[in-house]
Amino acid sequence: MSTPKPFPQTGFLRYLEHLDASVSRDGAMPESLASILSARDGAVTRLIDLLKAMQATQHAALDTQQVADALRRDQKFARPGQPSAHIVQLRQQQAAARQASSQSKQALIRLAAAFVREAGIEVPQRVALEVFITQWIDAHVPKDVNVAA
């Protein structure tokens, strides 16, 4: 089974959660991001929600992959005929994991649209919102912020 890859912006998410209503300029936040977040009242809250949704989407994708791997591995050695209770349980887990993955992706798109609207960010035409927001966050949101809480 694959090991869980940590969410790259976990430290910055904790930083934002501990931030009061005003955007701090302590060097933990890039200037371009600080200007976007300080100009809009709800942008910080929307960014927190968006980062949590991205984290949930990553976790759901990992769960889906792990269940699919287990099902593939166990079906390889299953006897022909009626599936065993274990295989049926794995199929049910796979269906639940796929549904959770789908729901988390839908929530991510909904929250990305809200953040882009709130922050006043222009999304280029012919670029999927999910792809754009992932690239935007990779480019603008720091990955290595440590919060002393």
N, C-alpha and C. Protein backbone atom coordinates (compact mmCIF):
# COMPACT_ATOMS: atom_id res chain seq x y z
N MET A 1 0.84 -1.18 0.00
CA MET A 1 0.00 0.00 0.00
C MET A 1 0.88 1.24 0.00
N SER A 2 0.35 2.29 -0.62
CA SER A 2 1.12 3.53 -0.69
C SER A 2 1.03 4.29 0.62
N THR A 3 2.10 4.98 0.92
CA THR A 3 2.12 5.77 2.14
C THR A 3 1.45 7.11 1.88
N PRO A 4 0.75 7.64 2.87
CA PRO A 4 0.06 8.91 2.65
C PRO A 4 1.06 10.04 2.45
N LYS A 5 0.83 10.81 1.40
CA LYS A 5 1.66 11.97 1.10
C LYS A 5 1.08 13.14 1.89
N PRO A 6 1.89 13.80 2.70
CA PRO A 6 1.34 14.89 3.51
C PRO A 6 0.87 16.05 2.63
N PHE A 7 -0.16 16.73 3.09
CA PHE A 7 -0.67 17.89 2.38
C PHE A 7 0.36 19.00 2.46
N PRO A 8 0.83 19.54 1.33
CA PRO A 8 1.95 20.48 1.35
C PRO A 8 1.68 21.79 2.09
N GLN A 9 0.45 22.24 2.11
CA GLN A 9 0.15 23.53 2.75
C GLN A 9 -0.41 23.39 4.15
N THR A 10 -0.15 22.29 4.83
CA THR A 10 -0.67 22.08 6.18
C THR A 10 -0.20 23.16 7.14
N GLY A 11 1.08 23.50 7.10
CA GLY A 11 1.61 24.53 7.99
C GLY A 11 0.97 25.87 7.75
N PHE A 12 0.77 26.25 6.49
CA PHE A 12 0.16 27.53 6.19
C PHE A 12 -1.31 27.53 6.58
N LEU A 13 -1.98 26.39 6.44
CA LEU A 13 -3.38 26.29 6.87
C LEU A 13 -3.48 26.53 8.37
N ARG A 14 -2.59 25.93 9.14
CA ARG A 14 -2.57 26.17 10.60
C ARG A 14 -2.29 27.64 10.90
N TYR A 15 -1.38 28.23 10.14
CA TYR A 15 -1.04 29.64 10.30
C TYR A 15 -2.28 30.51 10.08
N LEU A 16 -3.03 30.23 9.01
CA LEU A 16 -4.24 31.01 8.74
C LEU A 16 -5.30 30.82 9.82
N GLU A 17 -5.42 29.60 10.32
CA GLU A 17 -6.41 29.34 11.35
C GLU A 17 -6.10 30.08 12.65
N HIS A 18 -4.82 30.32 12.93
CA HIS A 18 -4.43 31.02 14.15
C HIS A 18 -4.31 32.52 13.95
N LEU A 19 -4.48 32.96 12.72
CA LEU A 19 -4.38 34.37 12.39
C LEU A 19 -5.66 35.07 12.82
N ASP A 20 -5.52 36.27 13.41
CA ASP A 20 -6.74 37.00 13.73
C ASP A 20 -7.30 37.62 12.46
N ALA A 21 -8.30 38.45 12.57
CA ALA A 21 -9.02 38.99 11.40
C ALA A 21 -8.12 39.77 10.45
N SER A 22 -7.12 40.42 10.97
CA SER A 22 -6.23 41.18 10.08
C SER A 22 -5.12 40.27 9.56
N VAL A 23 -4.69 40.54 8.36
CA VAL A 23 -3.63 39.75 7.76
C VAL A 23 -2.30 40.29 8.23
N SER A 24 -1.52 39.43 8.82
CA SER A 24 -0.23 39.82 9.37
C SER A 24 0.82 39.93 8.29
N ARG A 25 1.82 40.72 8.54
CA ARG A 25 2.94 40.88 7.60
C ARG A 25 4.22 40.43 8.28
N ASP A 26 4.21 39.25 8.86
CA ASP A 26 5.38 38.76 9.60
C ASP A 26 6.34 37.97 8.74
N GLY A 27 6.15 37.99 7.44
CA GLY A 27 7.05 37.29 6.54
C GLY A 27 6.62 35.88 6.21
N ALA A 28 5.61 35.35 6.88
CA ALA A 28 5.16 33.99 6.60
C ALA A 28 4.29 33.94 5.36
N MET A 29 3.75 35.09 4.98
CA MET A 29 2.85 35.15 3.84
C MET A 29 3.49 35.97 2.72
N PRO A 30 3.51 35.43 1.50
CA PRO A 30 4.05 36.21 0.39
C PRO A 30 3.27 37.51 0.21
N GLU A 31 3.95 38.53 -0.26
CA GLU A 31 3.35 39.86 -0.41
C GLU A 31 2.14 39.85 -1.33
N SER A 32 2.21 39.10 -2.43
CA SER A 32 1.08 39.06 -3.37
C SER A 32 -0.17 38.45 -2.73
N LEU A 33 0.02 37.41 -1.94
CA LEU A 33 -1.10 36.78 -1.25
C LEU A 33 -1.63 37.67 -0.14
N ALA A 34 -0.74 38.32 0.59
CA ALA A 34 -1.16 39.22 1.67
C ALA A 34 -2.00 40.37 1.12
N SER A 35 -1.64 40.89 -0.03
CA SER A 35 -2.41 42.00 -0.61
C SER A 35 -3.81 41.55 -1.02
N ILE A 36 -3.92 40.33 -1.56
CA ILE A 36 -5.24 39.80 -1.94
C ILE A 36 -6.10 39.58 -0.71
N LEU A 37 -5.52 38.97 0.32
CA LEU A 37 -6.29 38.63 1.51
C LEU A 37 -6.64 39.85 2.35
N SER A 38 -5.77 40.86 2.39
CA SER A 38 -6.06 42.03 3.21
C SER A 38 -7.08 42.95 2.53
N ALA A 39 -7.19 42.89 1.21
CA ALA A 39 -8.12 43.75 0.48
C ALA A 39 -9.55 43.23 0.57
N ARG A 40 -9.74 41.98 0.86
CA ARG A 40 -11.07 41.38 0.89
C ARG A 40 -11.33 40.82 2.28
N ASP A 41 -12.51 41.09 2.83
CA ASP A 41 -12.83 40.66 4.19
C ASP A 41 -12.94 39.14 4.33
N GLY A 42 -13.67 38.49 3.44
CA GLY A 42 -13.92 37.06 3.59
C GLY A 42 -12.92 36.18 2.87
N ALA A 43 -11.89 36.77 2.27
CA ALA A 43 -10.96 35.97 1.47
C ALA A 43 -10.16 35.00 2.34
N VAL A 44 -9.81 35.40 3.55
CA VAL A 44 -9.04 34.51 4.43
C VAL A 44 -9.88 33.29 4.78
N THR A 45 -11.13 33.52 5.13
CA THR A 45 -12.03 32.41 5.48
C THR A 45 -12.23 31.49 4.28
N ARG A 46 -12.40 32.08 3.11
CA ARG A 46 -12.58 31.27 1.90
C ARG A 46 -11.32 30.46 1.59
N LEU A 47 -10.15 31.07 1.80
CA LEU A 47 -8.90 30.35 1.54
C LEU A 47 -8.72 29.20 2.52
N ILE A 48 -9.08 29.41 3.78
CA ILE A 48 -9.01 28.33 4.77
C ILE A 48 -9.92 27.18 4.34
N ASP A 49 -11.16 27.51 3.96
CA ASP A 49 -12.10 26.48 3.52
C ASP A 49 -11.58 25.75 2.28
N LEU A 50 -10.99 26.51 1.36
CA LEU A 50 -10.46 25.91 0.14
C LEU A 50 -9.30 24.97 0.44
N LEU A 51 -8.39 25.38 1.31
CA LEU A 51 -7.26 24.52 1.66
C LEU A 51 -7.73 23.25 2.38
N LYS A 52 -8.74 23.39 3.23
CA LYS A 52 -9.30 22.20 3.89
C LYS A 52 -9.94 21.26 2.87
N ALA A 53 -10.62 21.83 1.88
CA ALA A 53 -11.24 21.01 0.84
C ALA A 53 -10.17 20.31 0.00
N MET A 54 -9.08 21.00 -0.28
CA MET A 54 -7.99 20.36 -1.04
C MET A 54 -7.38 19.21 -0.23
N GLN A 55 -7.24 19.43 1.07
CA GLN A 55 -6.71 18.39 1.94
C GLN A 55 -7.66 17.19 1.96
N ALA A 56 -8.96 17.45 2.06
CA ALA A 56 -9.95 16.37 2.07
C ALA A 56 -9.97 15.62 0.74
N THR A 57 -9.80 16.34 -0.35
CA THR A 57 -9.77 15.71 -1.68
C THR A 57 -8.56 14.80 -1.80
N GLN A 58 -7.42 15.27 -1.32
CA GLN A 58 -6.20 14.45 -1.37
C GLN A 58 -6.37 13.19 -0.52
N HIS A 59 -6.97 13.35 0.66
CA HIS A 59 -7.20 12.20 1.54
C HIS A 59 -8.18 11.21 0.91
N ALA A 60 -9.24 11.71 0.30
CA ALA A 60 -10.23 10.83 -0.34
C ALA A 60 -9.62 10.08 -1.51
N ALA A 61 -8.77 10.76 -2.28
CA ALA A 61 -8.12 10.10 -3.41
C ALA A 61 -7.20 8.98 -2.92
N LEU A 62 -6.50 9.22 -1.82
CA LEU A 62 -5.63 8.19 -1.24
C LEU A 62 -6.45 7.00 -0.75
N ASP A 63 -7.57 7.28 -0.08
CA ASP A 63 -8.44 6.19 0.39
C ASP A 63 -8.95 5.36 -0.78
N THR A 64 -9.36 6.03 -1.85
CA THR A 64 -9.86 5.33 -3.03
C THR A 64 -8.78 4.44 -3.61
N GLN A 65 -7.57 4.96 -3.70
CA GLN A 65 -6.46 4.19 -4.26
C GLN A 65 -6.13 2.98 -3.38
N GLN A 66 -6.13 3.17 -2.07
CA GLN A 66 -5.79 2.06 -1.17
C GLN A 66 -6.82 0.94 -1.23
N VAL A 67 -8.10 1.30 -1.27
CA VAL A 67 -9.15 0.28 -1.34
C VAL A 67 -9.09 -0.44 -2.68
N ALA A 68 -8.84 0.30 -3.76
CA ALA A 68 -8.73 -0.33 -5.08
C ALA A 68 -7.54 -1.28 -5.13
N ASP A 69 -6.43 -0.89 -4.52
CA ASP A 69 -5.26 -1.78 -4.48
C ASP A 69 -5.56 -3.06 -3.71
N ALA A 70 -6.23 -2.92 -2.57
CA ALA A 70 -6.57 -4.09 -1.76
C ALA A 70 -7.54 -5.00 -2.51
N LEU A 71 -8.51 -4.40 -3.19
CA LEU A 71 -9.48 -5.20 -3.94
C LEU A 71 -8.80 -5.94 -5.10
N ARG A 72 -7.93 -5.25 -5.81
CA ARG A 72 -7.18 -5.91 -6.90
C ARG A 72 -6.34 -7.06 -6.38
N ARG A 73 -5.66 -6.81 -5.28
CA ARG A 73 -4.79 -7.84 -4.70
C ARG A 73 -5.59 -9.06 -4.26
N ASP A 74 -6.71 -8.82 -3.59
CA ASP A 74 -7.48 -9.94 -3.05
C ASP A 74 -8.31 -10.66 -4.12
N GLN A 75 -8.76 -9.93 -5.15
CA GLN A 75 -9.53 -10.58 -6.21
C GLN A 75 -8.67 -11.51 -7.06
N LYS A 76 -7.39 -11.21 -7.08
CA LYS A 76 -6.47 -12.02 -7.86
C LYS A 76 -6.49 -13.48 -7.38
N PHE A 77 -6.68 -13.66 -6.09
CA PHE A 77 -6.62 -15.00 -5.51
C PHE A 77 -8.00 -15.56 -5.15
N ALA A 78 -9.05 -14.86 -5.55
CA ALA A 78 -10.41 -15.31 -5.21
C ALA A 78 -10.81 -16.49 -6.10
N ARG A 79 -11.59 -17.37 -5.53
CA ARG A 79 -12.09 -18.52 -6.29
C ARG A 79 -13.20 -18.05 -7.22
N PRO A 80 -13.35 -18.74 -8.34
CA PRO A 80 -14.46 -18.39 -9.24
C PRO A 80 -15.80 -18.69 -8.59
N GLY A 81 -16.82 -17.99 -9.03
CA GLY A 81 -18.15 -18.20 -8.48
C GLY A 81 -18.57 -17.05 -7.59
N GLN A 82 -19.36 -17.41 -6.60
CA GLN A 82 -19.89 -16.41 -5.66
C GLN A 82 -18.73 -15.71 -4.93
N PRO A 83 -18.72 -14.37 -4.91
CA PRO A 83 -17.62 -13.68 -4.21
C PRO A 83 -17.72 -13.87 -2.69
N SER A 84 -16.58 -13.89 -2.07
CA SER A 84 -16.55 -14.06 -0.62
C SER A 84 -17.06 -12.79 0.07
N ALA A 85 -17.36 -12.93 1.34
CA ALA A 85 -17.84 -11.78 2.12
C ALA A 85 -16.78 -10.68 2.16
N HIS A 86 -15.53 -11.08 2.19
CA HIS A 86 -14.43 -10.11 2.23
C HIS A 86 -14.38 -9.28 0.94
N ILE A 87 -14.54 -9.94 -0.21
CA ILE A 87 -14.54 -9.24 -1.50
C ILE A 87 -15.74 -8.31 -1.59
N VAL A 88 -16.89 -8.77 -1.14
CA VAL A 88 -18.09 -7.92 -1.14
C VAL A 88 -17.87 -6.69 -0.27
N GLN A 89 -17.26 -6.89 0.89
CA GLN A 89 -16.98 -5.76 1.79
C GLN A 89 -16.00 -4.78 1.12
N LEU A 90 -14.99 -5.29 0.46
CA LEU A 90 -14.04 -4.41 -0.23
C LEU A 90 -14.72 -3.63 -1.36
N ARG A 91 -15.64 -4.28 -2.06
CA ARG A 91 -16.37 -3.58 -3.12
C ARG A 91 -17.24 -2.47 -2.55
N GLN A 92 -17.85 -2.73 -1.40
CA GLN A 92 -18.65 -1.70 -0.73
C GLN A 92 -17.77 -0.55 -0.26
N GLN A 93 -16.60 -0.88 0.26
CA GLN A 93 -15.66 0.17 0.67
C GLN A 93 -15.20 0.98 -0.53
N GLN A 94 -14.98 0.31 -1.65
CA GLN A 94 -14.55 1.01 -2.86
C GLN A 94 -15.65 1.98 -3.33
N ALA A 95 -16.89 1.53 -3.29
CA ALA A 95 -18.00 2.39 -3.70
C ALA A 95 -18.11 3.61 -2.78
N ALA A 96 -17.96 3.38 -1.48
CA ALA A 96 -18.02 4.48 -0.52
C ALA A 96 -16.86 5.45 -0.71
N ALA A 97 -15.67 4.90 -0.97
CA ALA A 97 -14.50 5.75 -1.18
C ALA A 97 -14.64 6.58 -2.45
N ARG A 98 -15.18 5.96 -3.50
CA ARG A 98 -15.41 6.71 -4.75
C ARG A 98 -16.43 7.82 -4.54
N GLN A 99 -17.47 7.53 -3.79
CA GLN A 99 -18.49 8.54 -3.53
C GLN A 99 -17.90 9.69 -2.70
N ALA A 100 -17.11 9.36 -1.69
CA ALA A 100 -16.47 10.40 -0.87
C ALA A 100 -15.51 11.23 -1.72
N SER A 101 -14.80 10.59 -2.62
CA SER A 101 -13.88 11.30 -3.50
C SER A 101 -14.63 12.25 -4.42
N SER A 102 -15.73 11.79 -4.95
CA SER A 102 -16.56 12.61 -5.83
C SER A 102 -17.13 13.81 -5.08
N GLN A 103 -17.63 13.57 -3.88
CA GLN A 103 -18.20 14.66 -3.08
C GLN A 103 -17.13 15.68 -2.68
N SER A 104 -15.95 15.21 -2.34
CA SER A 104 -14.90 16.14 -1.95
C SER A 104 -14.43 16.96 -3.15
N LYS A 105 -14.43 16.36 -4.32
CA LYS A 105 -14.05 17.10 -5.54
C LYS A 105 -15.10 18.16 -5.86
N GLN A 106 -16.36 17.83 -5.70
CA GLN A 106 -17.43 18.80 -5.94
C GLN A 106 -17.33 19.95 -4.94
N ALA A 107 -17.06 19.64 -3.69
CA ALA A 107 -16.90 20.69 -2.67
C ALA A 107 -15.70 21.57 -2.99
N LEU A 108 -14.62 20.96 -3.45
CA LEU A 108 -13.43 21.72 -3.83
C LEU A 108 -13.75 22.71 -4.94
N ILE A 109 -14.47 22.28 -5.95
CA ILE A 109 -14.81 23.16 -7.07
C ILE A 109 -15.73 24.29 -6.59
N ARG A 110 -16.69 23.96 -5.75
CA ARG A 110 -17.61 24.97 -5.22
C ARG A 110 -16.85 26.01 -4.38
N LEU A 111 -15.94 25.55 -3.52
CA LEU A 111 -15.18 26.47 -2.68
C LEU A 111 -14.14 27.24 -3.48
N ALA A 112 -13.60 26.64 -4.52
CA ALA A 112 -12.65 27.35 -5.39
C ALA A 112 -13.37 28.49 -6.10
N ALA A 113 -14.57 28.24 -6.57
CA ALA A 113 -15.35 29.30 -7.23
C ALA A 113 -15.65 30.44 -6.26
N ALA A 114 -15.99 30.10 -5.03
CA ALA A 114 -16.27 31.13 -4.02
C ALA A 114 -15.01 31.94 -3.70
N PHE A 115 -13.87 31.26 -3.57
CA PHE A 115 -12.62 31.96 -3.26
C PHE A 115 -12.21 32.88 -4.41
N VAL A 116 -12.28 32.38 -5.63
CA VAL A 116 -11.89 33.18 -6.80
C VAL A 116 -12.78 34.42 -6.90
N ARG A 117 -14.06 34.24 -6.66
CA ARG A 117 -15.00 35.36 -6.70
C ARG A 117 -14.70 36.35 -5.59
N GLU A 118 -14.47 35.86 -4.38
CA GLU A 118 -14.21 36.72 -3.22
C GLU A 118 -12.89 37.46 -3.35
N ALA A 119 -11.87 36.79 -3.85
CA ALA A 119 -10.54 37.39 -3.95
C ALA A 119 -10.37 38.23 -5.21
N GLY A 120 -11.30 38.12 -6.14
CA GLY A 120 -11.21 38.90 -7.36
C GLY A 120 -10.13 38.41 -8.31
N ILE A 121 -9.90 37.12 -8.32
CA ILE A 121 -8.88 36.52 -9.19
C ILE A 121 -9.52 36.18 -10.53
N GLU A 122 -8.84 36.54 -11.60
CA GLU A 122 -9.32 36.23 -12.95
C GLU A 122 -8.89 34.81 -13.33
N VAL A 123 -9.86 34.00 -13.69
CA VAL A 123 -9.57 32.63 -14.16
C VAL A 123 -9.50 32.67 -15.68
N PRO A 124 -8.40 32.20 -16.26
CA PRO A 124 -8.29 32.21 -17.72
C PRO A 124 -9.36 31.33 -18.37
N GLN A 125 -9.76 31.72 -19.57
CA GLN A 125 -10.73 30.92 -20.29
C GLN A 125 -10.10 29.60 -20.71
N ARG A 126 -10.94 28.61 -20.84
CA ARG A 126 -10.54 27.27 -21.29
C ARG A 126 -9.57 26.57 -20.34
N VAL A 127 -9.60 26.97 -19.08
CA VAL A 127 -8.82 26.28 -18.05
C VAL A 127 -9.80 25.84 -16.97
N ALA A 128 -9.77 24.58 -16.65
CA ALA A 128 -10.68 24.07 -15.62
C ALA A 128 -10.37 24.75 -14.29
N LEU A 129 -11.42 25.09 -13.56
CA LEU A 129 -11.25 25.81 -12.30
C LEU A 129 -10.39 25.01 -11.32
N GLU A 130 -10.60 23.71 -11.26
CA GLU A 130 -9.83 22.87 -10.35
C GLU A 130 -8.34 22.90 -10.69
N VAL A 131 -8.02 22.84 -11.97
CA VAL A 131 -6.63 22.89 -12.42
C VAL A 131 -6.03 24.26 -12.11
N PHE A 132 -6.78 25.31 -12.43
CA PHE A 132 -6.29 26.67 -12.19
C PHE A 132 -6.02 26.92 -10.72
N ILE A 133 -6.97 26.55 -9.85
CA ILE A 133 -6.82 26.86 -8.42
C ILE A 133 -5.68 26.04 -7.82
N THR A 134 -5.48 24.82 -8.30
CA THR A 134 -4.36 24.02 -7.81
C THR A 134 -3.03 24.66 -8.19
N GLN A 135 -2.92 25.11 -9.43
CA GLN A 135 -1.70 25.79 -9.87
C GLN A 135 -1.52 27.11 -9.13
N TRP A 136 -2.61 27.84 -8.91
CA TRP A 136 -2.53 29.13 -8.22
C TRP A 136 -2.05 28.94 -6.79
N ILE A 137 -2.60 27.94 -6.12
CA ILE A 137 -2.20 27.69 -4.73
C ILE A 137 -0.75 27.23 -4.67
N ASP A 138 -0.34 26.37 -5.59
CA ASP A 138 1.06 25.94 -5.62
C ASP A 138 2.00 27.12 -5.82
N ALA A 139 1.55 28.11 -6.60
CA ALA A 139 2.40 29.26 -6.90
C ALA A 139 2.37 30.33 -5.81
N HIS A 140 1.24 30.49 -5.11
CA HIS A 140 1.08 31.62 -4.19
C HIS A 140 1.04 31.27 -2.71
N VAL A 141 0.74 30.04 -2.38
CA VAL A 141 0.59 29.67 -0.97
C VAL A 141 1.84 28.94 -0.52
N PRO A 142 2.49 29.44 0.54
CA PRO A 142 3.72 28.80 1.01
C PRO A 142 3.47 27.40 1.54
N LYS A 143 4.50 26.57 1.43
CA LYS A 143 4.39 25.17 1.84
C LYS A 143 5.07 24.88 3.18
N ASP A 144 5.94 25.74 3.61
CA ASP A 144 6.77 25.40 4.77
C ASP A 144 6.65 26.40 5.91
N VAL A 145 5.43 26.73 6.28
CA VAL A 145 5.21 27.65 7.38
C VAL A 145 5.02 26.85 8.65
N ASN A 146 5.79 27.15 9.68
CA ASN A 146 5.63 26.49 10.98
C ASN A 146 4.94 27.45 11.92
N VAL A 147 3.93 26.93 12.61
CA VAL A 147 3.15 27.76 13.52
C VAL A 147 3.45 27.31 14.94
N ALA A 148 3.83 28.24 15.76
CA ALA A 148 4.02 27.95 17.18
C ALA A 148 2.74 28.33 17.89
N ALA A 149 1.92 27.32 18.16
CA ALA A 149 0.62 27.60 18.79
C ALA A 149 0.60 27.15 20.22
